[in-house]
Protein backbone atom coordinates (compact mmCIF):
# COMPACT_ATOMS: atom_id res chain seq x y z
CA UNK A 1 0.00 0.00 0.00
CA UNK A 2 1.32 3.45 -0.94
CA UNK A 3 1.02 6.15 1.71
CA UNK A 4 0.59 9.86 1.06
CA UNK A 5 4.07 10.49 2.46
CA UNK A 6 5.66 8.15 -0.11
CA UNK A 7 8.07 10.28 -2.21
CA UNK A 8 7.74 7.91 -5.20
CA UNK A 9 3.97 8.42 -5.29
CA UNK A 10 4.33 12.18 -5.02
CA UNK A 11 6.67 12.23 -8.04
CA UNK A 12 4.30 10.00 -9.99
CA UNK A 13 1.30 12.19 -9.16
CA UNK A 14 3.28 15.32 -10.10
CA UNK A 15 4.23 13.74 -13.44
CA UNK A 16 0.60 12.81 -14.12
CA UNK A 17 -0.60 16.32 -13.23
CA UNK A 18 2.05 17.80 -15.50
CA UNK A 19 1.02 15.53 -18.38
CA UNK A 20 -2.65 16.39 -17.80
CA UNK A 21 -1.82 20.09 -18.01
CA UNK A 22 0.12 19.57 -21.26
CA UNK A 23 -2.73 17.60 -22.80
CA UNK A 24 -5.36 20.15 -21.78
CA UNK A 25 -3.28 22.99 -23.24
CA UNK A 26 -2.67 21.06 -26.45
CA UNK A 27 -6.35 20.18 -26.74
CA UNK A 28 -7.35 23.80 -26.26
CA UNK A 29 -4.96 24.90 -29.01
CA UNK A 30 -6.24 22.19 -31.37
CA UNK A 31 -9.85 23.16 -30.66
CA UNK A 32 -9.07 26.80 -31.50
CA UNK A 33 -7.45 25.75 -34.78
CA UNK A 34 -10.37 23.44 -35.60
CA UNK A 35 -12.83 26.26 -34.92
CA UNK A 36 -10.94 28.56 -37.29
CA UNK A 37 -10.81 25.87 -39.99
CA UNK A 38 -14.50 25.01 -39.58
CA UNK A 39 -15.40 28.69 -39.93
CA UNK A 40 -13.30 28.91 -43.12
CA UNK A 41 -14.97 25.78 -44.50
CA UNK A 42 -18.44 27.18 -43.73
CA UNK A 43 -17.57 30.48 -45.42
CA UNK A 44 -16.18 28.81 -48.53
CA UNK A 45 -19.15 26.45 -48.82
CA UNK A 46 -21.47 29.43 -48.57
CA UNK A 47 -19.46 31.34 -51.18
CA UNK A 48 -19.60 28.33 -53.51
CA UNK A 49 -23.38 28.18 -53.14
CA UNK A 50 -23.69 31.92 -53.88
CA UNK A 51 -21.52 31.69 -56.99
CA UNK A 52 -23.41 28.60 -58.18
CA UNK A 53 -26.73 30.44 -57.72
CA UNK A 54 -25.43 33.45 -59.63
CA UNK A 55 -24.20 31.22 -62.46
CA UNK A 56 -27.56 29.45 -62.54
CA UNK A 57 -29.34 32.82 -62.76
CA UNK A 58 -27.10 33.62 -65.73
CA UNK A 59 -28.29 30.45 -67.43
CA UNK A 60 -25.08 28.48 -66.89
CA UNK A 61 -25.48 24.83 -65.95
CA UNK A 62 -22.95 24.45 -63.15
CA UNK A 63 -23.61 20.78 -62.44
CA UNK A 64 -21.91 19.43 -59.35
CA UNK A 65 -18.78 21.55 -58.97
CA UNK A 66 -18.39 20.68 -55.31
CA UNK A 67 -15.93 17.81 -54.96
CA UNK A 68 -17.12 17.15 -51.42
CA UNK A 69 -20.67 15.94 -51.16
CA UNK A 70 -23.01 17.94 -49.02
CA UNK A 71 -23.75 16.94 -45.45
CA UNK A 72 -27.17 15.61 -46.46
CA UNK A 73 -25.59 13.66 -49.34
CA UNK A 74 -23.14 12.04 -46.94
CA UNK A 75 -26.02 11.04 -44.63
CA UNK A 76 -28.09 9.79 -47.56
CA UNK A 77 -25.25 7.68 -48.95
CA UNK A 78 -24.50 6.26 -45.51
CA UNK A 79 -28.12 5.26 -44.86
CA UNK A 80 -28.56 3.94 -48.42
CA UNK A 81 -25.71 1.45 -47.86
CA UNK A 82 -27.43 -0.02 -44.80
CA UNK A 83 -28.98 -3.41 -45.41
CA UNK A 84 -31.75 -2.73 -42.92
CA UNK A 85 -34.23 0.14 -43.26
CA UNK A 86 -33.80 1.31 -39.70
CA UNK A 87 -33.94 4.92 -38.43
CA UNK A 88 -30.76 6.37 -36.96
CA UNK A 89 -30.38 8.72 -34.02
CA UNK A 90 -28.86 11.89 -35.44
CA UNK A 91 -25.89 11.96 -33.04
CA UNK A 92 -24.99 8.36 -33.90
CA UNK A 93 -25.37 9.12 -37.60
CA UNK A 94 -23.07 12.16 -37.30
CA UNK A 95 -20.49 10.09 -35.42
CA UNK A 96 -20.52 7.35 -38.07
CA UNK A 97 -20.24 9.85 -40.93
CA UNK A 98 -17.27 11.50 -39.21
CA UNK A 99 -15.66 8.08 -38.72
CA UNK A 100 -15.86 7.59 -42.50
CA UNK A 101 -13.66 10.65 -42.91
CA UNK A 102 -16.39 13.05 -44.03
CA UNK A 103 -16.45 16.50 -42.50
CA UNK A 104 -19.44 18.10 -40.87
CA UNK A 105 -18.43 21.69 -40.15
CA UNK A 106 -19.54 23.75 -37.21
CA UNK A 107 -19.15 23.80 -33.47
CA UNK A 108 -21.57 20.88 -33.05
CA UNK A 109 -21.48 18.53 -36.07
CA UNK A 110 -24.55 16.60 -34.90
CA UNK A 111 -26.62 19.78 -34.63
CA UNK A 112 -25.45 20.83 -38.10
CA UNK A 113 -26.40 17.41 -39.47
CA UNK A 114 -29.90 17.52 -37.98
CA UNK A 115 -30.45 20.98 -39.49
CA UNK A 116 -29.56 19.63 -42.93
CA UNK A 117 -31.67 16.49 -42.55
CA UNK A 118 -34.70 18.54 -41.54
CA UNK A 119 -34.48 20.61 -44.75
CA UNK A 120 -33.86 17.72 -47.14
CA UNK A 121 -36.90 15.99 -48.61
CA UNK A 122 -35.08 12.65 -48.92
CA UNK A 123 -35.28 12.20 -45.13
CA UNK A 124 -38.13 11.70 -42.74
CA UNK A 125 -38.24 12.18 -38.99
CA UNK A 126 -39.55 8.97 -37.44
CA UNK A 127 -39.23 9.96 -33.82
CA UNK A 128 -37.46 12.36 -31.53
CA UNK A 129 -33.96 12.66 -33.00
CA UNK A 130 -34.53 9.68 -35.31
CA UNK A 131 -34.17 10.01 -39.07
CA UNK A 132 -34.64 7.58 -41.94
CA UNK A 133 -34.80 7.69 -45.71
CA UNK A 134 -38.25 8.68 -46.94
CA UNK A 135 -38.02 5.96 -49.60
CA UNK A 136 -38.07 3.34 -46.85
CA UNK A 137 -41.73 4.17 -46.26
CA UNK A 138 -41.47 4.42 -42.48
CA UNK A 139 -44.08 6.38 -40.57
CA UNK A 140 -43.14 10.03 -40.22
CA UNK A 141 -43.78 12.05 -37.09
CA UNK A 142 -44.32 15.76 -36.93
CA UNK A 143 -42.33 17.97 -34.66
CA UNK A 144 -44.38 19.03 -31.67
CA UNK A 145 -45.53 22.63 -31.82
CA UNK A 146 -44.21 24.92 -29.17
CA UNK A 147 -46.79 25.82 -26.61
CA UNK A 148 -47.62 29.44 -26.09
CA UNK A 149 -46.85 30.54 -22.59
CA UNK A 150 -49.71 32.04 -20.69
CA UNK A 151 -49.11 35.57 -19.63
CA UNK A 152 -49.44 36.12 -15.93
CA UNK A 153 -50.27 39.53 -14.62
């Protein structure tokens, strides 16, 4: 049994605390860099969409000039490859898409994914946080309406 007065334990604990501090500092720096990169990616994706819209308005067929598929496309392709037509929880879906090497920009990739799924007609919401492909024919649920708060005088 190691006692608090053991000098070997104290050195070990100091080394662990030092390593923890280094890791936390390194993580903080990486998170700052990731935030900057994600903001740049968001800006460039938005600029690409604006230029594509302008070209379309000018009568130019731009086709698919984006080499990276959209977030919704990544989710669609992932779900399409599944052998079972089973809804996925959006956080799990985001995690699996990220594991495939796809990027979902933003501070919270899962929240960004759910925003894209909600706007894309290829997906249906089958429950709270659960999404499936509309082509699977699963029962869709509506989002609950927000209740109006009663005013109290």
